[in-house]
Amino acid sequence: MDELAAGVLAVIRRIPPGRVLTYGDVAALAGGDATARDVGQVLLRHGEQEQVPWWRVLRADGTPPEHLLERQLGLLRSEGTPMAPSGAGVDLNAARWATSGRGQAAQPSLFD
């Protein structure tokens, strides 16, 4: 496994039940030149086989990709993750893990 994948998976493993991060949040926390797209690719290659809570990573609007919609929302609901009023995604204001006032993931609180 390459360094980027290891960093991405390490961040995702730390997301507690009932909380989420966006692909962009994970990329920022993984460091280096990681992008949201890189996070998605790492999850496609390693997500289930590495037994990381992949379902806690969402798009910037709080929704899962269409092909995972029902499965991912079901897993999130089972953890008590706050859902958006529409039910089509997660309430990022309530469920985003370790955020600063700017809505961006705050690295220091993740790794203290």
PDB file of N, CA and C in Angstrom:
ATOM      1  N   MET A   1       0.854  -1.171   0.000  1.00  0.00           N
ATOM      2  CA  MET A   1       0.000   0.000   0.000  1.00  0.00           C
ATOM      3  C   MET A   1       0.902   1.236   0.000  1.00  0.00           C
ATOM      4  N   ASP A   2       0.535   2.219  -0.809  1.00  0.00           N
ATOM      5  CA  ASP A   2       1.366   3.414  -0.881  1.00  0.00           C
ATOM      6  C   ASP A   2       1.087   4.364   0.292  1.00  0.00           C
ATOM      7  N   GLU A   3       1.918   5.377   0.411  1.00  0.00           N
ATOM      8  CA  GLU A   3       1.838   6.318   1.526  1.00  0.00           C
ATOM      9  C   GLU A   3       0.520   7.097   1.523  1.00  0.00           C
ATOM     10  N   LEU A   4       0.065   7.504   0.348  1.00  0.00           N
ATOM     11  CA  LEU A   4      -1.202   8.228   0.257  1.00  0.00           C
ATOM     12  C   LEU A   4      -2.342   7.373   0.783  1.00  0.00           C
ATOM     13  N   ALA A   5      -2.435   6.145   0.326  1.00  0.00           N
ATOM     14  CA  ALA A   5      -3.506   5.257   0.766  1.00  0.00           C
ATOM     15  C   ALA A   5      -3.432   5.033   2.267  1.00  0.00           C
ATOM     16  N   ALA A   6      -2.233   4.816   2.785  1.00  0.00           N
ATOM     17  CA  ALA A   6      -2.078   4.588   4.226  1.00  0.00           C
ATOM     18  C   ALA A   6      -2.554   5.808   5.019  1.00  0.00           C
ATOM     19  N   GLY A   7      -2.226   7.000   4.547  1.00  0.00           N
ATOM     20  CA  GLY A   7      -2.650   8.223   5.229  1.00  0.00           C
ATOM     21  C   GLY A   7      -4.155   8.417   5.201  1.00  0.00           C
ATOM     22  N   VAL A   8      -4.750   8.183   4.044  1.00  0.00           N
ATOM     23  CA  VAL A   8      -6.201   8.309   3.900  1.00  0.00           C
ATOM     24  C   VAL A   8      -6.915   7.321   4.814  1.00  0.00           C
ATOM     25  N   LEU A   9      -6.486   6.076   4.795  1.00  0.00           N
ATOM     26  CA  LEU A   9      -7.139   5.057   5.609  1.00  0.00           C
ATOM     27  C   LEU A   9      -6.953   5.330   7.101  1.00  0.00           C
ATOM     28  N   ALA A  10      -5.806   5.881   7.485  1.00  0.00           N
ATOM     29  CA  ALA A  10      -5.574   6.219   8.896  1.00  0.00           C
ATOM     30  C   ALA A  10      -6.551   7.285   9.370  1.00  0.00           C
ATOM     31  N   VAL A  11      -6.813   8.286   8.530  1.00  0.00           N
ATOM     32  CA  VAL A  11      -7.776   9.335   8.893  1.00  0.00           C
ATOM     33  C   VAL A  11      -9.168   8.726   9.032  1.00  0.00           C
ATOM     34  N   ILE A  12      -9.576   7.925   8.073  1.00  0.00           N
ATOM     35  CA  ILE A  12     -10.928   7.365   8.078  1.00  0.00           C
ATOM     36  C   ILE A  12     -11.141   6.443   9.272  1.00  0.00           C
ATOM     37  N   ARG A  13     -10.122   5.714   9.665  1.00  0.00           N
ATOM     38  CA  ARG A  13     -10.254   4.827  10.833  1.00  0.00           C
ATOM     39  C   ARG A  13     -10.554   5.589  12.116  1.00  0.00           C
ATOM     40  N   ARG A  14     -10.185   6.853  12.170  1.00  0.00           N
ATOM     41  CA  ARG A  14     -10.379   7.658  13.377  1.00  0.00           C
ATOM     42  C   ARG A  14     -11.757   8.313  13.462  1.00  0.00           C
ATOM     43  N   ILE A  15     -12.527   8.282  12.397  1.00  0.00           N
ATOM     44  CA  ILE A  15     -13.855   8.908  12.429  1.00  0.00           C
ATOM     45  C   ILE A  15     -14.753   8.082  13.343  1.00  0.00           C
ATOM     46  N   PRO A  16     -15.277   8.685  14.402  1.00  0.00           N
ATOM     47  CA  PRO A  16     -16.095   7.904  15.334  1.00  0.00           C
ATOM     48  C   PRO A  16     -17.502   7.621  14.788  1.00  0.00           C
ATOM     49  N   PRO A  17     -18.159   6.600  15.320  1.00  0.00           N
ATOM     50  CA  PRO A  17     -19.542   6.325  14.929  1.00  0.00           C
ATOM     51  C   PRO A  17     -20.419   7.554  15.137  1.00  0.00           C
ATOM     52  N   GLY A  18     -21.319   7.772  14.186  1.00  0.00           N
ATOM     53  CA  GLY A  18     -22.232   8.911  14.272  1.00  0.00           C
ATOM     54  C   GLY A  18     -21.661  10.203  13.728  1.00  0.00           C
ATOM     55  N   ARG A  19     -20.432  10.168  13.272  1.00  0.00           N
ATOM     56  CA  ARG A  19     -19.769  11.340  12.710  1.00  0.00           C
ATOM     57  C   ARG A  19     -19.317  11.038  11.292  1.00  0.00           C
ATOM     58  N   VAL A  20     -19.114  12.086  10.505  1.00  0.00           N
ATOM     59  CA  VAL A  20     -18.689  11.935   9.118  1.00  0.00           C
ATOM     60  C   VAL A  20     -17.651  12.990   8.767  1.00  0.00           C
ATOM     61  N   LEU A  21     -16.964  12.745   7.677  1.00  0.00           N
ATOM     62  CA  LEU A  21     -16.108  13.735   7.025  1.00  0.00           C
ATOM     63  C   LEU A  21     -16.426  13.684   5.541  1.00  0.00           C
ATOM     64  N   THR A  22     -16.118  14.760   4.851  1.00  0.00           N
ATOM     65  CA  THR A  22     -16.261  14.751   3.397  1.00  0.00           C
ATOM     66  C   THR A  22     -14.970  14.209   2.790  1.00  0.00           C
ATOM     67  N   TYR A  23     -15.050  13.847   1.524  1.00  0.00           N
ATOM     68  CA  TYR A  23     -13.852  13.403   0.813  1.00  0.00           C
ATOM     69  C   TYR A  23     -12.769  14.484   0.897  1.00  0.00           C
ATOM     70  N   GLY A  24     -13.169  15.738   0.756  1.00  0.00           N
ATOM     71  CA  GLY A  24     -12.216  16.844   0.840  1.00  0.00           C
ATOM     72  C   GLY A  24     -11.609  16.988   2.222  1.00  0.00           C
ATOM     73  N   ASP A  25     -12.410  16.794   3.271  1.00  0.00           N
ATOM     74  CA  ASP A  25     -11.883  16.839   4.632  1.00  0.00           C
ATOM     75  C   ASP A  25     -10.803  15.785   4.819  1.00  0.00           C
ATOM     76  N   VAL A  26     -11.097  14.565   4.382  1.00  0.00           N
ATOM     77  CA  VAL A  26     -10.145  13.467   4.534  1.00  0.00           C
ATOM     78  C   VAL A  26      -8.863  13.786   3.763  1.00  0.00           C
ATOM     79  N   ALA A  27      -8.997  14.321   2.559  1.00  0.00           N
ATOM     80  CA  ALA A  27      -7.817  14.668   1.759  1.00  0.00           C
ATOM     81  C   ALA A  27      -6.955  15.696   2.489  1.00  0.00           C
ATOM     82  N   ALA A  28      -7.586  16.714   3.050  1.00  0.00           N
ATOM     83  CA  ALA A  28      -6.834  17.748   3.764  1.00  0.00           C
ATOM     84  C   ALA A  28      -6.117  17.171   4.979  1.00  0.00           C
ATOM     85  N   LEU A  29      -6.774  16.289   5.677  1.00  0.00           N
ATOM     86  CA  LEU A  29      -6.182  15.688   6.881  1.00  0.00           C
ATOM     87  C   LEU A  29      -5.110  14.653   6.557  1.00  0.00           C
ATOM     88  N   ALA A  30      -5.226  14.014   5.407  1.00  0.00           N
ATOM     89  CA  ALA A  30      -4.236  13.012   5.013  1.00  0.00           C
ATOM     90  C   ALA A  30      -2.915  13.667   4.637  1.00  0.00           C
ATOM     91  N   GLY A  31      -2.983  14.941   4.266  1.00  0.00           N
ATOM     92  CA  GLY A  31      -1.768  15.687   3.963  1.00  0.00           C
ATOM     93  C   GLY A  31      -1.238  15.421   2.578  1.00  0.00           C
ATOM     94  N   GLY A  32      -0.063  15.963   2.355  1.00  0.00           N
ATOM     95  CA  GLY A  32       0.557  15.809   1.045  1.00  0.00           C
ATOM     96  C   GLY A  32      -0.276  16.489  -0.025  1.00  0.00           C
ATOM     97  N   ASP A  33      -0.319  15.868  -1.169  1.00  0.00           N
ATOM     98  CA  ASP A  33      -1.059  16.420  -2.303  1.00  0.00           C
ATOM     99  C   ASP A  33      -2.388  15.704  -2.509  1.00  0.00           C
ATOM    100  N   ALA A  34      -2.921  15.097  -1.479  1.00  0.00           N
ATOM    101  CA  ALA A  34      -4.162  14.334  -1.612  1.00  0.00           C
ATOM    102  C   ALA A  34      -5.314  15.242  -2.037  1.00  0.00           C
ATOM    103  N   THR A  35      -6.170  14.705  -2.894  1.00  0.00           N
ATOM    104  CA  THR A  35      -7.379  15.408  -3.320  1.00  0.00           C
ATOM    105  C   THR A  35      -8.591  14.568  -2.951  1.00  0.00           C
ATOM    106  N   ALA A  36      -9.760  15.179  -3.031  1.00  0.00           N
ATOM    107  CA  ALA A  36     -10.995  14.445  -2.760  1.00  0.00           C
ATOM    108  C   ALA A  36     -11.108  13.238  -3.688  1.00  0.00           C
ATOM    109  N   ARG A  37     -10.727  13.412  -4.934  1.00  0.00           N
ATOM    110  CA  ARG A  37     -10.770  12.308  -5.903  1.00  0.00           C
ATOM    111  C   ARG A  37      -9.832  11.171  -5.485  1.00  0.00           C
ATOM    112  N   ASP A  38      -8.662  11.529  -4.956  1.00  0.00           N
ATOM    113  CA  ASP A  38      -7.728  10.506  -4.468  1.00  0.00           C
ATOM    114  C   ASP A  38      -8.364   9.686  -3.347  1.00  0.00           C
ATOM    115  N   VAL A  39      -9.068  10.363  -2.448  1.00  0.00           N
ATOM    116  CA  VAL A  39      -9.728   9.660  -1.341  1.00  0.00           C
ATOM    117  C   VAL A  39     -10.724   8.649  -1.884  1.00  0.00           C
ATOM    118  N   GLY A  40     -11.519   9.065  -2.862  1.00  0.00           N
ATOM    119  CA  GLY A  40     -12.475   8.148  -3.480  1.00  0.00           C
ATOM    120  C   GLY A  40     -11.795   6.946  -4.105  1.00  0.00           C
ATOM    121  N   GLN A  41     -10.675   7.176  -4.768  1.00  0.00           N
ATOM    122  CA  GLN A  41      -9.939   6.075  -5.404  1.00  0.00           C
ATOM    123  C   GLN A  41      -9.359   5.118  -4.363  1.00  0.00           C
ATOM    124  N   VAL A  42      -8.844   5.670  -3.268  1.00  0.00           N
ATOM    125  CA  VAL A  42      -8.314   4.816  -2.197  1.00  0.00           C
ATOM    126  C   VAL A  42      -9.434   3.953  -1.627  1.00  0.00           C
ATOM    127  N   LEU A  43     -10.590   4.548  -1.407  1.00  0.00           N
ATOM    128  CA  LEU A  43     -11.705   3.772  -0.861  1.00  0.00           C
ATOM    129  C   LEU A  43     -12.176   2.700  -1.827  1.00  0.00           C
ATOM    130  N   LEU A  44     -12.175   2.994  -3.099  1.00  0.00           N
ATOM    131  CA  LEU A  44     -12.552   1.976  -4.090  1.00  0.00           C
ATOM    132  C   LEU A  44     -11.593   0.789  -4.055  1.00  0.00           C
ATOM    133  N   ARG A  45     -10.313   1.074  -3.905  1.00  0.00           N
ATOM    134  CA  ARG A  45      -9.295   0.008  -3.919  1.00  0.00           C
ATOM    135  C   ARG A  45      -9.173  -0.719  -2.592  1.00  0.00           C
ATOM    136  N   HIS A  46      -9.319   0.000  -1.482  1.00  0.00           N
ATOM    137  CA  HIS A  46      -8.964  -0.573  -0.187  1.00  0.00           C
ATOM    138  C   HIS A  46     -10.070  -0.554   0.862  1.00  0.00           C
ATOM    139  N   GLY A  47     -11.130   0.193   0.642  1.00  0.00           N
ATOM    140  CA  GLY A  47     -12.129   0.443   1.679  1.00  0.00           C
ATOM    141  C   GLY A  47     -12.616  -0.765   2.441  1.00  0.00           C
ATOM    142  N   GLU A  48     -13.219  -1.694   1.767  1.00  0.00           N
ATOM    143  CA  GLU A  48     -13.793  -2.837   2.472  1.00  0.00           C
ATOM    144  C   GLU A  48     -12.744  -3.863   2.881  1.00  0.00           C
ATOM    145  N   GLN A  49     -11.731  -4.059   2.060  1.00  0.00           N
ATOM    146  CA  GLN A  49     -10.723  -5.060   2.413  1.00  0.00           C
ATOM    147  C   GLN A  49      -9.877  -4.631   3.593  1.00  0.00           C
ATOM    148  N   GLU A  50      -9.739  -3.334   3.824  1.00  0.00           N
ATOM    149  CA  GLU A  50      -8.965  -2.840   4.967  1.00  0.00           C
ATOM    150  C   GLU A  50      -9.848  -2.632   6.192  1.00  0.00           C
ATOM    151  N   GLN A  51     -11.119  -2.914   6.066  1.00  0.00           N
ATOM    152  CA  GLN A  51     -12.080  -2.797   7.153  1.00  0.00           C
ATOM    153  C   GLN A  51     -12.068  -1.409   7.798  1.00  0.00           C
ATOM    154  N   VAL A  52     -12.167  -0.394   6.958  1.00  0.00           N
ATOM    155  CA  VAL A  52     -12.299   0.979   7.446  1.00  0.00           C
ATOM    156  C   VAL A  52     -13.763   1.380   7.334  1.00  0.00           C
ATOM    157  N   PRO A  53     -14.211   2.299   8.162  1.00  0.00           N
ATOM    158  CA  PRO A  53     -15.610   2.742   8.091  1.00  0.00           C
ATOM    159  C   PRO A  53     -15.839   3.692   6.911  1.00  0.00           C
ATOM    160  N   TRP A  54     -15.753   3.167   5.711  1.00  0.00           N
ATOM    161  CA  TRP A  54     -15.879   3.936   4.472  1.00  0.00           C
ATOM    162  C   TRP A  54     -17.181   4.717   4.402  1.00  0.00           C
ATOM    163  N   TRP A  55     -18.231   4.211   5.043  1.00  0.00           N
ATOM    164  CA  TRP A  55     -19.545   4.842   4.966  1.00  0.00           C
ATOM    165  C   TRP A  55     -19.572   6.190   5.682  1.00  0.00           C
ATOM    166  N   ARG A  56     -18.556   6.522   6.450  1.00  0.00           N
ATOM    167  CA  ARG A  56     -18.498   7.797   7.168  1.00  0.00           C
ATOM    168  C   ARG A  56     -17.864   8.899   6.326  1.00  0.00           C
ATOM    169  N   VAL A  57     -17.622   8.636   5.050  1.00  0.00           N
ATOM    170  CA  VAL A  57     -17.049   9.622   4.135  1.00  0.00           C
ATOM    171  C   VAL A  57     -18.088   9.931   3.065  1.00  0.00           C
ATOM    172  N   LEU A  58     -18.381  11.222   2.926  1.00  0.00           N
ATOM    173  CA  LEU A  58     -19.452  11.670   2.034  1.00  0.00           C
ATOM    174  C   LEU A  58     -18.983  12.771   1.102  1.00  0.00           C
ATOM    175  N   ARG A  59     -19.820  13.090   0.140  1.00  0.00           N
ATOM    176  CA  ARG A  59     -19.582  14.236  -0.736  1.00  0.00           C
ATOM    177  C   ARG A  59     -19.713  15.529   0.069  1.00  0.00           C
ATOM    178  N   ALA A  60     -19.282  16.607  -0.519  1.00  0.00           N
ATOM    179  CA  ALA A  60     -19.310  17.916   0.142  1.00  0.00           C
ATOM    180  C   ALA A  60     -20.720  18.368   0.500  1.00  0.00           C
ATOM    181  N   ASP A  61     -21.731  17.824  -0.168  1.00  0.00           N
ATOM    182  CA  ASP A  61     -23.116  18.207   0.156  1.00  0.00           C
ATOM    183  C   ASP A  61     -23.765  17.262   1.173  1.00  0.00           C
ATOM    184  N   GLY A  62     -22.986  16.327   1.704  1.00  0.00           N
ATOM    185  CA  GLY A  62     -23.505  15.415   2.728  1.00  0.00           C
ATOM    186  C   GLY A  62     -24.210  14.187   2.190  1.00  0.00           C
ATOM    187  N   THR A  63     -24.085  13.947   0.888  1.00  0.00           N
ATOM    188  CA  THR A  63     -24.750  12.787   0.292  1.00  0.00           C
ATOM    189  C   THR A  63     -23.722  11.746  -0.148  1.00  0.00           C
ATOM    190  N   PRO A  64     -24.134  10.488  -0.157  1.00  0.00           N
ATOM    191  CA  PRO A  64     -23.272   9.433  -0.696  1.00  0.00           C
ATOM    192  C   PRO A  64     -23.405   9.378  -2.217  1.00  0.00           C
ATOM    193  N   PRO A  65     -22.468   8.708  -2.882  1.00  0.00           N
ATOM    194  CA  PRO A  65     -22.631   8.474  -4.314  1.00  0.00           C
ATOM    195  C   PRO A  65     -23.907   7.646  -4.556  1.00  0.00           C
ATOM    196  N   GLU A  66     -24.540   7.856  -5.699  1.00  0.00           N
ATOM    197  CA  GLU A  66     -25.811   7.197  -5.996  1.00  0.00           C
ATOM    198  C   GLU A  66     -25.744   5.686  -5.848  1.00  0.00           C
ATOM    199  N   HIS A  67     -24.646   5.070  -6.306  1.00  0.00           N
ATOM    200  CA  HIS A  67     -24.567   3.607  -6.271  1.00  0.00           C
ATOM    201  C   HIS A  67     -24.463   3.054  -4.843  1.00  0.00           C
ATOM    202  N   LEU A  68     -24.197   3.911  -3.881  1.00  0.00           N
ATOM    203  CA  LEU A  68     -24.102   3.485  -2.484  1.00  0.00           C
ATOM    204  C   LEU A  68     -25.195   4.091  -1.604  1.00  0.00           C
ATOM    205  N   LEU A  69     -26.077   4.857  -2.191  1.00  0.00           N
ATOM    206  CA  LEU A  69     -27.031   5.668  -1.436  1.00  0.00           C
ATOM    207  C   LEU A  69     -27.736   4.909  -0.318  1.00  0.00           C
ATOM    208  N   GLU A  70     -28.484   3.896  -0.635  1.00  0.00           N
ATOM    209  CA  GLU A  70     -29.268   3.189   0.380  1.00  0.00           C
ATOM    210  C   GLU A  70     -28.387   2.472   1.396  1.00  0.00           C
ATOM    211  N   ARG A  71     -27.360   1.796   0.905  1.00  0.00           N
ATOM    212  CA  ARG A  71     -26.465   1.050   1.808  1.00  0.00           C
ATOM    213  C   ARG A  71     -25.756   1.989   2.778  1.00  0.00           C
ATOM    214  N   GLN A  72     -25.191   3.076   2.243  1.00  0.00           N
ATOM    215  CA  GLN A  72     -24.428   3.996   3.071  1.00  0.00           C
ATOM    216  C   GLN A  72     -25.317   4.738   4.061  1.00  0.00           C
ATOM    217  N   LEU A  73     -26.455   5.218   3.604  1.00  0.00           N
ATOM    218  CA  LEU A  73     -27.368   5.900   4.528  1.00  0.00           C
ATOM    219  C   LEU A  73     -27.882   4.960   5.603  1.00  0.00           C
ATOM    220  N   GLY A  74     -28.120   3.709   5.250  1.00  0.00           N
ATOM    221  CA  GLY A  74     -28.551   2.728   6.238  1.00  0.00           C
ATOM    222  C   GLY A  74     -27.508   2.522   7.328  1.00  0.00           C
ATOM    223  N   LEU A  75     -26.242   2.417   6.930  1.00  0.00           N
ATOM    224  CA  LEU A  75     -25.162   2.254   7.904  1.00  0.00           C
ATOM    225  C   LEU A  75     -25.037   3.487   8.792  1.00  0.00           C
ATOM    226  N   LEU A  76     -25.154   4.654   8.188  1.00  0.00           N
ATOM    227  CA  LEU A  76     -25.064   5.894   8.967  1.00  0.00           C
ATOM    228  C   LEU A  76     -26.236   6.028   9.942  1.00  0.00           C
ATOM    229  N   ARG A  77     -27.425   5.710   9.478  1.00  0.00           N
ATOM    230  CA  ARG A  77     -28.593   5.763  10.376  1.00  0.00           C
ATOM    231  C   ARG A  77     -28.431   4.802  11.548  1.00  0.00           C
ATOM    232  N   SER A  78     -27.873   3.630  11.288  1.00  0.00           N
ATOM    233  CA  SER A  78     -27.703   2.636  12.357  1.00  0.00           C
ATOM    234  C   SER A  78     -26.731   3.118  13.432  1.00  0.00           C
ATOM    235  N   GLU A  79     -25.880   4.072  13.084  1.00  0.00           N
ATOM    236  CA  GLU A  79     -24.948   4.643  14.056  1.00  0.00           C
ATOM    237  C   GLU A  79     -25.505   5.892  14.732  1.00  0.00           C
ATOM    238  N   GLY A  80     -26.696   6.304  14.317  1.00  0.00           N
ATOM    239  CA  GLY A  80     -27.298   7.494  14.904  1.00  0.00           C
ATOM    240  C   GLY A  80     -26.795   8.800  14.320  1.00  0.00           C
ATOM    241  N   THR A  81     -26.250   8.753  13.127  1.00  0.00           N
ATOM    242  CA  THR A  81     -25.744   9.955  12.468  1.00  0.00           C
ATOM    243  C   THR A  81     -26.910  10.892  12.151  1.00  0.00           C
ATOM    244  N   PRO A  82     -26.798  12.182  12.481  1.00  0.00           N
ATOM    245  CA  PRO A  82     -27.878  13.130  12.168  1.00  0.00           C
ATOM    246  C   PRO A  82     -28.102  13.249  10.658  1.00  0.00           C
ATOM    247  N   MET A  83     -29.329  13.053  10.247  1.00  0.00           N
ATOM    248  CA  MET A  83     -29.680  13.125   8.829  1.00  0.00           C
ATOM    249  C   MET A  83     -30.212  14.511   8.472  1.00  0.00           C
ATOM    250  N   ALA A  84     -30.067  14.867   7.214  1.00  0.00           N
ATOM    251  CA  ALA A  84     -30.641  16.106   6.705  1.00  0.00           C
ATOM    252  C   ALA A  84     -32.160  15.990   6.742  1.00  0.00           C
ATOM    253  N   PRO A  85     -32.855  17.106   6.881  1.00  0.00           N
ATOM    254  CA  PRO A  85     -34.317  17.049   6.923  1.00  0.00           C
ATOM    255  C   PRO A  85     -34.934  16.334   5.720  1.00  0.00           C
ATOM    256  N   SER A  86     -34.290  16.420   4.566  1.00  0.00           N
ATOM    257  CA  SER A  86     -34.815  15.762   3.362  1.00  0.00           C
ATOM    258  C   SER A  86     -34.675  14.242   3.443  1.00  0.00           C
ATOM    259  N   GLY A  87     -33.767  13.755   4.295  1.00  0.00           N
ATOM    260  CA  GLY A  87     -33.520  12.323   4.397  1.00  0.00           C
ATOM    261  C   GLY A  87     -32.605  11.787   3.317  1.00  0.00           C
ATOM    262  N   ALA A  88     -32.191  12.649   2.386  1.00  0.00           N
ATOM    263  CA  ALA A  88     -31.366  12.203   1.263  1.00  0.00           C
ATOM    264  C   ALA A  88     -29.876  12.254   1.560  1.00  0.00           C
ATOM    265  N   GLY A  89     -29.529  12.674   2.751  1.00  0.00           N
ATOM    266  CA  GLY A  89     -28.123  12.780   3.107  1.00  0.00           C
ATOM    267  C   GLY A  89     -27.967  13.064   4.581  1.00  0.00           C
ATOM    268  N   VAL A  90     -26.789  13.496   4.944  1.00  0.00           N
ATOM    269  CA  VAL A  90     -26.437  13.759   6.332  1.00  0.00           C
ATOM    270  C   VAL A  90     -26.438  15.258   6.592  1.00  0.00           C
ATOM    271  N   ASP A  91     -26.829  15.646   7.790  1.00  0.00           N
ATOM    272  CA  ASP A  91     -26.737  17.042   8.223  1.00  0.00           C
ATOM    273  C   ASP A  91     -25.281  17.295   8.603  1.00  0.00           C
ATOM    274  N   LEU A  92     -24.518  17.856   7.679  1.00  0.00           N
ATOM    275  CA  LEU A  92     -23.089  18.052   7.926  1.00  0.00           C
ATOM    276  C   LEU A  92     -22.824  18.991   9.095  1.00  0.00           C
ATOM    277  N   ASN A  93     -23.694  19.965   9.319  1.00  0.00           N
ATOM    278  CA  ASN A  93     -23.485  20.875  10.448  1.00  0.00           C
ATOM    279  C   ASN A  93     -23.535  20.136  11.775  1.00  0.00           C
ATOM    280  N   ALA A  94     -24.333  19.112  11.855  1.00  0.00           N
ATOM    281  CA  ALA A  94     -24.473  18.356  13.098  1.00  0.00           C
ATOM    282  C   ALA A  94     -23.557  17.142  13.164  1.00  0.00           C
ATOM    283  N   ALA A  95     -23.209  16.572  12.019  1.00  0.00           N
ATOM    284  CA  ALA A  95     -22.507  15.287  12.012  1.00  0.00           C
ATOM    285  C   ALA A  95     -21.028  15.366  11.655  1.00  0.00           C
ATOM    286  N   ARG A  96     -20.594  16.486  11.095  1.00  0.00           N
ATOM    287  CA  ARG A  96     -19.191  16.557  10.674  1.00  0.00           C
ATOM    288  C   ARG A  96     -18.289  16.485  11.891  1.00  0.00           C
ATOM    289  N   TRP A  97     -17.289  15.637  11.801  1.00  0.00           N
ATOM    290  CA  TRP A  97     -16.387  15.399  12.917  1.00  0.00           C
ATOM    291  C   TRP A  97     -15.232  16.393  12.930  1.00  0.00           C
ATOM    292  N   ALA A  98     -14.922  16.905  14.108  1.00  0.00           N
ATOM    293  CA  ALA A  98     -13.745  17.744  14.338  1.00  0.00           C
ATOM    294  C   ALA A  98     -13.640  18.904  13.370  1.00  0.00           C
ATOM    295  N   THR A  99     -14.647  19.747  13.346  1.00  0.00           N
ATOM    296  CA  THR A  99     -14.592  20.886  12.446  1.00  0.00           C
ATOM    297  C   THR A  99     -14.298  22.166  13.194  1.00  0.00           C
ATOM    298  N   SER A 100     -13.684  23.089  12.495  1.00  0.00           N
ATOM    299  CA  SER A 100     -13.458  24.421  13.038  1.00  0.00           C
ATOM    300  C   SER A 100     -14.659  25.274  12.677  1.00  0.00           C
ATOM    301  N   GLY A 101     -14.656  26.513  13.088  1.00  0.00           N
ATOM    302  CA  GLY A 101     -15.747  27.422  12.773  1.00  0.00           C
ATOM    303  C   GLY A 101     -15.893  27.693  11.292  1.00  0.00           C
ATOM    304  N   ARG A 102     -14.857  27.435  10.501  1.00  0.00           N
ATOM    305  CA  ARG A 102     -14.913  27.682   9.057  1.00  0.00           C
ATOM    306  C   ARG A 102     -15.514  26.508   8.303  1.00  0.00           C
ATOM    307  N   GLY A 103     -15.854  25.432   9.004  1.00  0.00           N
ATOM    308  CA  GLY A 103     -16.435  24.285   8.319  1.00  0.00           C
ATOM    309  C   GLY A 103     -15.409  23.356   7.712  1.00  0.00           C
ATOM    310  N   GLN A 104     -14.139  23.600   7.986  1.00  0.00           N
ATOM    311  CA  GLN A 104     -13.089  22.739   7.477  1.00  0.00           C
ATOM    312  C   GLN A 104     -12.611  21.850   8.614  1.00  0.00           C
ATOM    313  N   ALA A 105     -12.203  20.660   8.290  1.00  0.00           N
ATOM    314  CA  ALA A 105     -11.716  19.748   9.316  1.00  0.00           C
ATOM    315  C   ALA A 105     -10.495  20.346   9.984  1.00  0.00           C
ATOM    316  N   ALA A 106     -10.464  20.276  11.285  1.00  0.00           N
ATOM    317  CA  ALA A 106      -9.371  20.860  12.058  1.00  0.00           C
ATOM    318  C   ALA A 106      -8.421  19.767  12.501  1.00  0.00           C
ATOM    319  N   GLN A 107      -7.283  19.664  11.873  1.00  0.00           N
ATOM    320  CA  GLN A 107      -6.351  18.581  12.131  1.00  0.00           C
ATOM    321  C   GLN A 107      -5.930  18.469  13.591  1.00  0.00           C
ATOM    322  N   PRO A 108      -5.611  19.562  14.294  1.00  0.00           N
ATOM    323  CA  PRO A 108      -5.132  19.374  15.658  1.00  0.00           C
ATOM    324  C   PRO A 108      -6.096  18.602  16.559  1.00  0.00           C
ATOM    325  N   SER A 109      -7.386  18.826  16.430  1.00  0.00           N
ATOM    326  CA  SER A 109      -8.311  18.127  17.305  1.00  0.00           C
ATOM    327  C   SER A 109      -8.436  16.651  16.946  1.00  0.00           C
ATOM    328  N   LEU A 110      -8.059  16.280  15.728  1.00  0.00           N
ATOM    329  CA  LEU A 110      -8.120  14.872  15.333  1.00  0.00           C
ATOM    330  C   LEU A 110      -6.997  14.057  15.948  1.00  0.00           C
ATOM    331  N   PHE A 111      -5.855  14.661  16.096  1.00  0.00           N
ATOM    332  CA  PHE A 111      -4.690  13.888  16.461  1.00  0.00           C
ATOM    333  C   PHE A 111      -4.066  14.297  17.786  1.00  0.00           C
ATOM    334  N   ASP A 112      -4.793  15.018  18.613  1.00  0.00           N
ATOM    335  CA  ASP A 112      -4.288  15.381  19.954  1.00  0.00           C
ATOM    336  C   ASP A 112      -4.141  14.158  20.805  1.00  0.00           C
TER     337      ASP A 112
END
